[in-house]
Amino acid sequence: MTYDQIGATAGTVWETLDRNGPLTFAALMEEVDAPQSLSFMAIGWLSREEKLRFETADGDYLVSLA
């Protein structure tokens, strides 16, 4: 994995949430359609920048833009 791949996937995560609104973690991962490890890194990147919010939702997490 490169920083460019992680950054590009972070952009995809951001665009997906911007377009669709809050999604469960499972739905977000499906929409982004990237390898799971890459998706986790991208979500972590955005989370570290305080760009995402997380709420528990029926055994999953609801992810939204901050």
PDB file of N, CA and C in Angstrom:
ATOM      1  N   MET A   1       0.838  -1.179   0.000  1.00  0.00           N
ATOM      2  CA  MET A   1       0.000   0.000   0.000  1.00  0.00           C
ATOM      3  C   MET A   1       0.886   1.246   0.000  1.00  0.00           C
ATOM      4  N   THR A   2       0.444   2.220  -0.728  1.00  0.00           N
ATOM      5  CA  THR A   2       1.162   3.491  -0.732  1.00  0.00           C
ATOM      6  C   THR A   2       0.275   4.566  -0.107  1.00  0.00           C
ATOM      7  N   TYR A   3       0.907   5.649   0.307  1.00  0.00           N
ATOM      8  CA  TYR A   3       0.132   6.768   0.851  1.00  0.00           C
ATOM      9  C   TYR A   3      -0.842   7.308  -0.192  1.00  0.00           C
ATOM     10  N   ASP A   4      -0.439   7.265  -1.457  1.00  0.00           N
ATOM     11  CA  ASP A   4      -1.337   7.735  -2.520  1.00  0.00           C
ATOM     12  C   ASP A   4      -2.596   6.871  -2.606  1.00  0.00           C
ATOM     13  N   GLN A   5      -2.436   5.552  -2.478  1.00  0.00           N
ATOM     14  CA  GLN A   5      -3.600   4.651  -2.511  1.00  0.00           C
ATOM     15  C   GLN A   5      -4.513   4.903  -1.315  1.00  0.00           C
ATOM     16  N   ILE A   6      -3.903   5.077  -0.158  1.00  0.00           N
ATOM     17  CA  ILE A   6      -4.696   5.333   1.050  1.00  0.00           C
ATOM     18  C   ILE A   6      -5.426   6.661   0.905  1.00  0.00           C
ATOM     19  N   GLY A   7      -4.728   7.683   0.431  1.00  0.00           N
ATOM     20  CA  GLY A   7      -5.346   8.997   0.241  1.00  0.00           C
ATOM     21  C   GLY A   7      -6.470   8.966  -0.781  1.00  0.00           C
ATOM     22  N   ALA A   8      -6.269   8.250  -1.872  1.00  0.00           N
ATOM     23  CA  ALA A   8      -7.315   8.137  -2.895  1.00  0.00           C
ATOM     24  C   ALA A   8      -8.540   7.422  -2.335  1.00  0.00           C
ATOM     25  N   THR A   9      -8.309   6.379  -1.552  1.00  0.00           N
ATOM     26  CA  THR A   9      -9.426   5.653  -0.949  1.00  0.00           C
ATOM     27  C   THR A   9     -10.122   6.518   0.094  1.00  0.00           C
ATOM     28  N   ALA A  10      -9.373   7.318   0.833  1.00  0.00           N
ATOM     29  CA  ALA A  10      -9.976   8.255   1.783  1.00  0.00           C
ATOM     30  C   ALA A  10     -10.887   9.228   1.035  1.00  0.00           C
ATOM     31  N   GLY A  11     -10.449   9.672  -0.138  1.00  0.00           N
ATOM     32  CA  GLY A  11     -11.293  10.535  -0.964  1.00  0.00           C
ATOM     33  C   GLY A  11     -12.574   9.844  -1.382  1.00  0.00           C
ATOM     34  N   THR A  12     -12.469   8.574  -1.724  1.00  0.00           N
ATOM     35  CA  THR A  12     -13.654   7.795  -2.101  1.00  0.00           C
ATOM     36  C   THR A  12     -14.603   7.649  -0.915  1.00  0.00           C
ATOM     37  N   VAL A  13     -14.053   7.407   0.268  1.00  0.00           N
ATOM     38  CA  VAL A  13     -14.878   7.307   1.482  1.00  0.00           C
ATOM     39  C   VAL A  13     -15.610   8.627   1.702  1.00  0.00           C
ATOM     40  N   TRP A  14     -14.884   9.733   1.637  1.00  0.00           N
ATOM     41  CA  TRP A  14     -15.474  11.056   1.845  1.00  0.00           C
ATOM     42  C   TRP A  14     -16.590  11.318   0.829  1.00  0.00           C
ATOM     43  N   GLU A  15     -16.308  11.073  -0.453  1.00  0.00           N
ATOM     44  CA  GLU A  15     -17.299  11.307  -1.508  1.00  0.00           C
ATOM     45  C   GLU A  15     -18.535  10.434  -1.317  1.00  0.00           C
ATOM     46  N   THR A  16     -18.330   9.193  -0.904  1.00  0.00           N
ATOM     47  CA  THR A  16     -19.443   8.267  -0.680  1.00  0.00           C
ATOM     48  C   THR A  16     -20.345   8.777   0.439  1.00  0.00           C
ATOM     49  N   LEU A  17     -19.744   9.221   1.546  1.00  0.00           N
ATOM     50  CA  LEU A  17     -20.546   9.734   2.661  1.00  0.00           C
ATOM     51  C   LEU A  17     -21.193  11.069   2.305  1.00  0.00           C
ATOM     52  N   ASP A  18     -20.518  11.886   1.530  1.00  0.00           N
ATOM     53  CA  ASP A  18     -21.072  13.169   1.101  1.00  0.00           C
ATOM     54  C   ASP A  18     -22.284  12.954   0.204  1.00  0.00           C
ATOM     55  N   ARG A  19     -22.211  11.972  -0.657  1.00  0.00           N
ATOM     56  CA  ARG A  19     -23.286  11.673  -1.608  1.00  0.00           C
ATOM     57  C   ARG A  19     -24.463  10.947  -0.940  1.00  0.00           C
ATOM     58  N   ASN A  20     -24.165   9.997  -0.041  1.00  0.00           N
ATOM     59  CA  ASN A  20     -25.199   9.117   0.517  1.00  0.00           C
ATOM     60  C   ASN A  20     -25.628   9.462   1.927  1.00  0.00           C
ATOM     61  N   GLY A  21     -24.875  10.321   2.609  1.00  0.00           N
ATOM     62  CA  GLY A  21     -25.164  10.579   4.016  1.00  0.00           C
ATOM     63  C   GLY A  21     -24.613   9.457   4.872  1.00  0.00           C
ATOM     64  N   PRO A  22     -24.982   9.435   6.149  1.00  0.00           N
ATOM     65  CA  PRO A  22     -24.455   8.425   7.073  1.00  0.00           C
ATOM     66  C   PRO A  22     -24.744   7.006   6.590  1.00  0.00           C
ATOM     67  N   LEU A  23     -23.749   6.146   6.746  1.00  0.00           N
ATOM     68  CA  LEU A  23     -23.886   4.739   6.374  1.00  0.00           C
ATOM     69  C   LEU A  23     -23.341   3.878   7.505  1.00  0.00           C
ATOM     70  N   THR A  24     -23.863   2.676   7.612  1.00  0.00           N
ATOM     71  CA  THR A  24     -23.248   1.755   8.549  1.00  0.00           C
ATOM     72  C   THR A  24     -21.858   1.430   8.032  1.00  0.00           C
ATOM     73  N   PHE A  25     -21.022   0.988   8.933  1.00  0.00           N
ATOM     74  CA  PHE A  25     -19.654   0.635   8.551  1.00  0.00           C
ATOM     75  C   PHE A  25     -19.683  -0.417   7.447  1.00  0.00           C
ATOM     76  N   ALA A  26     -20.549  -1.414   7.605  1.00  0.00           N
ATOM     77  CA  ALA A  26     -20.644  -2.496   6.617  1.00  0.00           C
ATOM     78  C   ALA A  26     -21.065  -1.953   5.254  1.00  0.00           C
ATOM     79  N   ALA A  27     -22.068  -1.078   5.224  1.00  0.00           N
ATOM     80  CA  ALA A  27     -22.538  -0.511   3.960  1.00  0.00           C
ATOM     81  C   ALA A  27     -21.474   0.376   3.328  1.00  0.00           C
ATOM     82  N   LEU A  28     -20.762   1.133   4.143  1.00  0.00           N
ATOM     83  CA  LEU A  28     -19.699   1.998   3.634  1.00  0.00           C
ATOM     84  C   LEU A  28     -18.605   1.161   2.978  1.00  0.00           C
ATOM     85  N   MET A  29     -18.198   0.090   3.637  1.00  0.00           N
ATOM     86  CA  MET A  29     -17.163  -0.779   3.085  1.00  0.00           C
ATOM     87  C   MET A  29     -17.606  -1.373   1.737  1.00  0.00           C
ATOM     88  N   GLU A  30     -18.875  -1.717   1.650  1.00  0.00           N
ATOM     89  CA  GLU A  30     -19.402  -2.271   0.404  1.00  0.00           C
ATOM     90  C   GLU A  30     -19.414  -1.222  -0.704  1.00  0.00           C
ATOM     91  N   GLU A  31     -19.839  -0.015  -0.372  1.00  0.00           N
ATOM     92  CA  GLU A  31     -19.897   1.076  -1.353  1.00  0.00           C
ATOM     93  C   GLU A  31     -18.510   1.473  -1.856  1.00  0.00           C
ATOM     94  N   VAL A  32     -17.544   1.509  -0.968  1.00  0.00           N
ATOM     95  CA  VAL A  32     -16.185   1.935  -1.337  1.00  0.00           C
ATOM     96  C   VAL A  32     -15.530   0.889  -2.243  1.00  0.00           C
ATOM     97  N   ASP A  33     -15.836  -0.384  -2.016  1.00  0.00           N
ATOM     98  CA  ASP A  33     -15.363  -1.476  -2.864  1.00  0.00           C
ATOM     99  C   ASP A  33     -13.844  -1.460  -3.046  1.00  0.00           C
ATOM    100  N   ALA A  34     -13.137  -1.433  -1.939  1.00  0.00           N
ATOM    101  CA  ALA A  34     -11.675  -1.516  -1.924  1.00  0.00           C
ATOM    102  C   ALA A  34     -11.296  -2.662  -0.994  1.00  0.00           C
ATOM    103  N   PRO A  35     -10.068  -3.146  -1.072  1.00  0.00           N
ATOM    104  CA  PRO A  35      -9.653  -4.181  -0.119  1.00  0.00           C
ATOM    105  C   PRO A  35      -9.896  -3.703   1.320  1.00  0.00           C
ATOM    106  N   GLN A  36     -10.307  -4.618   2.164  1.00  0.00           N
ATOM    107  CA  GLN A  36     -10.684  -4.267   3.529  1.00  0.00           C
ATOM    108  C   GLN A  36      -9.570  -3.514   4.255  1.00  0.00           C
ATOM    109  N   SER A  37      -8.344  -3.972   4.140  1.00  0.00           N
ATOM    110  CA  SER A  37      -7.244  -3.308   4.839  1.00  0.00           C
ATOM    111  C   SER A  37      -7.059  -1.879   4.350  1.00  0.00           C
ATOM    112  N   LEU A  38      -7.192  -1.650   3.058  1.00  0.00           N
ATOM    113  CA  LEU A  38      -7.069  -0.310   2.499  1.00  0.00           C
ATOM    114  C   LEU A  38      -8.209   0.586   2.986  1.00  0.00           C
ATOM    115  N   SER A  39      -9.416   0.040   3.050  1.00  0.00           N
ATOM    116  CA  SER A  39     -10.565   0.798   3.550  1.00  0.00           C
ATOM    117  C   SER A  39     -10.361   1.196   5.009  1.00  0.00           C
ATOM    118  N   PHE A  40      -9.859   0.255   5.820  1.00  0.00           N
ATOM    119  CA  PHE A  40      -9.592   0.564   7.228  1.00  0.00           C
ATOM    120  C   PHE A  40      -8.568   1.690   7.356  1.00  0.00           C
ATOM    121  N   MET A  41      -7.517   1.632   6.542  1.00  0.00           N
ATOM    122  CA  MET A  41      -6.492   2.684   6.593  1.00  0.00           C
ATOM    123  C   MET A  41      -7.076   4.038   6.199  1.00  0.00           C
ATOM    124  N   ALA A  42      -7.904   4.060   5.164  1.00  0.00           N
ATOM    125  CA  ALA A  42      -8.508   5.307   4.701  1.00  0.00           C
ATOM    126  C   ALA A  42      -9.454   5.891   5.750  1.00  0.00           C
ATOM    127  N   ILE A  43     -10.247   5.042   6.374  1.00  0.00           N
ATOM    128  CA  ILE A  43     -11.164   5.497   7.417  1.00  0.00           C
ATOM    129  C   ILE A  43     -10.370   6.004   8.619  1.00  0.00           C
ATOM    130  N   GLY A  44      -9.286   5.319   8.944  1.00  0.00           N
ATOM    131  CA  GLY A  44      -8.421   5.773  10.024  1.00  0.00           C
ATOM    132  C   GLY A  44      -7.814   7.130   9.723  1.00  0.00           C
ATOM    133  N   TRP A  45      -7.385   7.334   8.506  1.00  0.00           N
ATOM    134  CA  TRP A  45      -6.806   8.609   8.072  1.00  0.00           C
ATOM    135  C   TRP A  45      -7.815   9.735   8.300  1.00  0.00           C
ATOM    136  N   LEU A  46      -9.041   9.541   7.790  1.00  0.00           N
ATOM    137  CA  LEU A  46     -10.076  10.572   7.937  1.00  0.00           C
ATOM    138  C   LEU A  46     -10.467  10.765   9.400  1.00  0.00           C
ATOM    139  N   SER A  47     -10.479   9.688  10.145  1.00  0.00           N
ATOM    140  CA  SER A  47     -10.812   9.768  11.560  1.00  0.00           C
ATOM    141  C   SER A  47      -9.756  10.571  12.313  1.00  0.00           C
ATOM    142  N   ARG A  48      -8.505  10.333  12.015  1.00  0.00           N
ATOM    143  CA  ARG A  48      -7.409  11.053  12.679  1.00  0.00           C
ATOM    144  C   ARG A  48      -7.480  12.549  12.386  1.00  0.00           C
ATOM    145  N   GLU A  49      -7.971  12.891  11.202  1.00  0.00           N
ATOM    146  CA  GLU A  49      -8.135  14.298  10.829  1.00  0.00           C
ATOM    147  C   GLU A  49      -9.452  14.876  11.360  1.00  0.00           C
ATOM    148  N   GLU A  50     -10.170  14.078  12.163  1.00  0.00           N
ATOM    149  CA  GLU A  50     -11.454  14.474  12.755  1.00  0.00           C
ATOM    150  C   GLU A  50     -12.492  14.851  11.694  1.00  0.00           C
ATOM    151  N   LYS A  51     -12.500  14.087  10.604  1.00  0.00           N
ATOM    152  CA  LYS A  51     -13.433  14.323   9.506  1.00  0.00           C
ATOM    153  C   LYS A  51     -14.640  13.386   9.563  1.00  0.00           C
ATOM    154  N   LEU A  52     -14.585  12.390  10.467  1.00  0.00           N
ATOM    155  CA  LEU A  52     -15.665  11.411  10.575  1.00  0.00           C
ATOM    156  C   LEU A  52     -16.194  11.354  11.996  1.00  0.00           C
ATOM    157  N   ARG A  53     -17.463  10.952  12.101  1.00  0.00           N
ATOM    158  CA  ARG A  53     -18.097  10.665  13.391  1.00  0.00           C
ATOM    159  C   ARG A  53     -18.575   9.229  13.360  1.00  0.00           C
ATOM    160  N   PHE A  54     -18.581   8.596  14.525  1.00  0.00           N
ATOM    161  CA  PHE A  54     -19.028   7.209  14.638  1.00  0.00           C
ATOM    162  C   PHE A  54     -20.061   7.105  15.748  1.00  0.00           C
ATOM    163  N   GLU A  55     -21.138   6.367  15.488  1.00  0.00           N
ATOM    164  CA  GLU A  55     -22.161   6.068  16.492  1.00  0.00           C
ATOM    165  C   GLU A  55     -22.446   4.575  16.409  1.00  0.00           C
ATOM    166  N   THR A  56     -22.758   3.956  17.541  1.00  0.00           N
ATOM    167  CA  THR A  56     -23.142   2.547  17.506  1.00  0.00           C
ATOM    168  C   THR A  56     -24.535   2.426  16.917  1.00  0.00           C
ATOM    169  N   ALA A  57     -24.738   1.346  16.150  1.00  0.00           N
ATOM    170  CA  ALA A  57     -26.026   1.130  15.486  1.00  0.00           C
ATOM    171  C   ALA A  57     -26.257  -0.358  15.296  1.00  0.00           C
ATOM    172  N   ASP A  58     -27.005  -0.957  16.201  1.00  0.00           N
ATOM    173  CA  ASP A  58     -27.401  -2.365  16.078  1.00  0.00           C
ATOM    174  C   ASP A  58     -26.227  -3.298  15.790  1.00  0.00           C
ATOM    175  N   GLY A  59     -25.205  -3.238  16.602  1.00  0.00           N
ATOM    176  CA  GLY A  59     -24.066  -4.123  16.452  1.00  0.00           C
ATOM    177  C   GLY A  59     -23.068  -3.678  15.395  1.00  0.00           C
ATOM    178  N   ASP A  60     -23.314  -2.551  14.778  1.00  0.00           N
ATOM    179  CA  ASP A  60     -22.420  -1.994  13.780  1.00  0.00           C
ATOM    180  C   ASP A  60     -22.134  -0.554  14.189  1.00  0.00           C
ATOM    181  N   TYR A  61     -21.491   0.188  13.346  1.00  0.00           N
ATOM    182  CA  TYR A  61     -21.267   1.606  13.595  1.00  0.00           C
ATOM    183  C   TYR A  61     -21.849   2.403  12.445  1.00  0.00           C
ATOM    184  N   LEU A  62     -22.443   3.529  12.758  1.00  0.00           N
ATOM    185  CA  LEU A  62     -22.919   4.457  11.751  1.00  0.00           C
ATOM    186  C   LEU A  62     -21.816   5.489  11.566  1.00  0.00           C
ATOM    187  N   VAL A  63     -21.360   5.646  10.321  1.00  0.00           N
ATOM    188  CA  VAL A  63     -20.264   6.561  10.010  1.00  0.00           C
ATOM    189  C   VAL A  63     -20.854   7.744   9.263  1.00  0.00           C
ATOM    190  N   SER A  64     -20.472   8.949   9.679  1.00  0.00           N
ATOM    191  CA  SER A  64     -20.938  10.164   9.010  1.00  0.00           C
ATOM    192  C   SER A  64     -19.812  11.171   8.950  1.00  0.00           C
ATOM    193  N   LEU A  65     -19.964  12.164   8.088  1.00  0.00           N
ATOM    194  CA  LEU A  65     -18.994  13.245   8.022  1.00  0.00           C
ATOM    195  C   LEU A  65     -19.151  14.125   9.243  1.00  0.00           C
ATOM    196  N   ALA A  66     -18.031  14.599   9.760  1.00  0.00           N
ATOM    197  CA  ALA A  66     -18.054  15.464  10.940  1.00  0.00           C
ATOM    198  C   ALA A  66     -18.325  16.908  10.537  1.00  0.00           C
TER     199      ALA A  66
END
